[in-house]
Amino acid sequence: MPLLPIQTDAAPAAIGPYSQAVVAGGFVFCSGQIAMDPATGALVEGDV
């Protein structure tokens, strides 16, 4: 099954060696995202 890595400049760059998402077999698998302010790099506190 072919894997199509997805990456966009509209989201913060991945810190580790992984893609922001991968398309495989008709599914989109999204990687996790920490609560980080992309402008400052600071962690955002609070609940959703």
C-alpha atoms as a PDB file:
ATOM      1  CA  MET A   1       0.000   0.000   0.000  1.00  0.00           C
ATOM      2  CA  PRO A   2       1.507   3.360  -0.988  1.00  0.00           C
ATOM      3  CA  LEU A   3       1.920   6.004   1.717  1.00  0.00           C
ATOM      4  CA  LEU A   4       1.552   9.709   0.901  1.00  0.00           C
ATOM      5  CA  PRO A   5       3.135  11.989   3.525  1.00  0.00           C
ATOM      6  CA  ILE A   6       1.354  15.321   4.057  1.00  0.00           C
ATOM      7  CA  GLN A   7       3.111  18.498   5.176  1.00  0.00           C
ATOM      8  CA  THR A   8       1.966  22.129   5.159  1.00  0.00           C
ATOM      9  CA  ASP A   9       3.712  25.391   5.957  1.00  0.00           C
ATOM     10  CA  ALA A  10       0.431  26.583   7.589  1.00  0.00           C
ATOM     11  CA  ALA A  11       1.183  24.438  10.672  1.00  0.00           C
ATOM     12  CA  PRO A  12       4.211  24.416  12.967  1.00  0.00           C
ATOM     13  CA  ALA A  13       7.037  22.214  11.703  1.00  0.00           C
ATOM     14  CA  ALA A  14       7.312  18.747  13.208  1.00  0.00           C
ATOM     15  CA  ILE A  15       9.845  18.565  16.029  1.00  0.00           C
ATOM     16  CA  GLY A  16      10.636  14.890  15.410  1.00  0.00           C
ATOM     17  CA  PRO A  17      11.226  12.753  12.308  1.00  0.00           C
ATOM     18  CA  TYR A  18       7.574  12.336  11.305  1.00  0.00           C
ATOM     19  CA  SER A  19       5.027  13.810   8.883  1.00  0.00           C
ATOM     20  CA  GLN A  20       2.107  16.001   9.929  1.00  0.00           C
ATOM     21  CA  ALA A  21      -0.196  13.394   8.372  1.00  0.00           C
ATOM     22  CA  VAL A  22      -0.063  10.336   6.107  1.00  0.00           C
ATOM     23  CA  VAL A  23      -2.639   9.146   3.570  1.00  0.00           C
ATOM     24  CA  ALA A  24      -2.842   5.341   3.325  1.00  0.00           C
ATOM     25  CA  GLY A  25      -5.549   3.068   1.945  1.00  0.00           C
ATOM     26  CA  GLY A  26      -8.209   5.780   1.781  1.00  0.00           C
ATOM     27  CA  PHE A  27      -7.544   6.958   5.344  1.00  0.00           C
ATOM     28  CA  VAL A  28      -5.757  10.057   6.669  1.00  0.00           C
ATOM     29  CA  PHE A  29      -3.665   9.456   9.791  1.00  0.00           C
ATOM     30  CA  CYS A  30      -2.863  12.708  11.631  1.00  0.00           C
ATOM     31  CA  SER A  31       0.033  13.122  14.017  1.00  0.00           C
ATOM     32  CA  GLY A  32      -0.495  14.650  17.446  1.00  0.00           C
ATOM     33  CA  GLN A  33      -0.051  18.310  18.177  1.00  0.00           C
ATOM     34  CA  ILE A  34       1.119  19.842  21.424  1.00  0.00           C
ATOM     35  CA  ALA A  35      -0.423  23.091  22.653  1.00  0.00           C
ATOM     36  CA  MET A  36       2.364  25.361  21.417  1.00  0.00           C
ATOM     37  CA  ASP A  37       2.122  28.966  20.251  1.00  0.00           C
ATOM     38  CA  PRO A  38       3.873  28.861  16.838  1.00  0.00           C
ATOM     39  CA  ALA A  39       4.859  32.540  17.098  1.00  0.00           C
ATOM     40  CA  THR A  40       6.695  32.214  20.427  1.00  0.00           C
ATOM     41  CA  GLY A  41       7.299  28.486  20.882  1.00  0.00           C
ATOM     42  CA  ALA A  42       5.739  28.730  24.365  1.00  0.00           C
ATOM     43  CA  LEU A  43       3.388  26.038  25.648  1.00  0.00           C
ATOM     44  CA  VAL A  44      -0.230  27.208  25.925  1.00  0.00           C
ATOM     45  CA  GLU A  45      -1.887  26.471  29.268  1.00  0.00           C
ATOM     46  CA  GLY A  46      -5.523  25.588  29.972  1.00  0.00           C
ATOM     47  CA  ASP A  47      -8.177  23.184  28.755  1.00  0.00           C
ATOM     48  CA  VAL A  48     -10.026  22.890  25.495  1.00  0.00           C
END
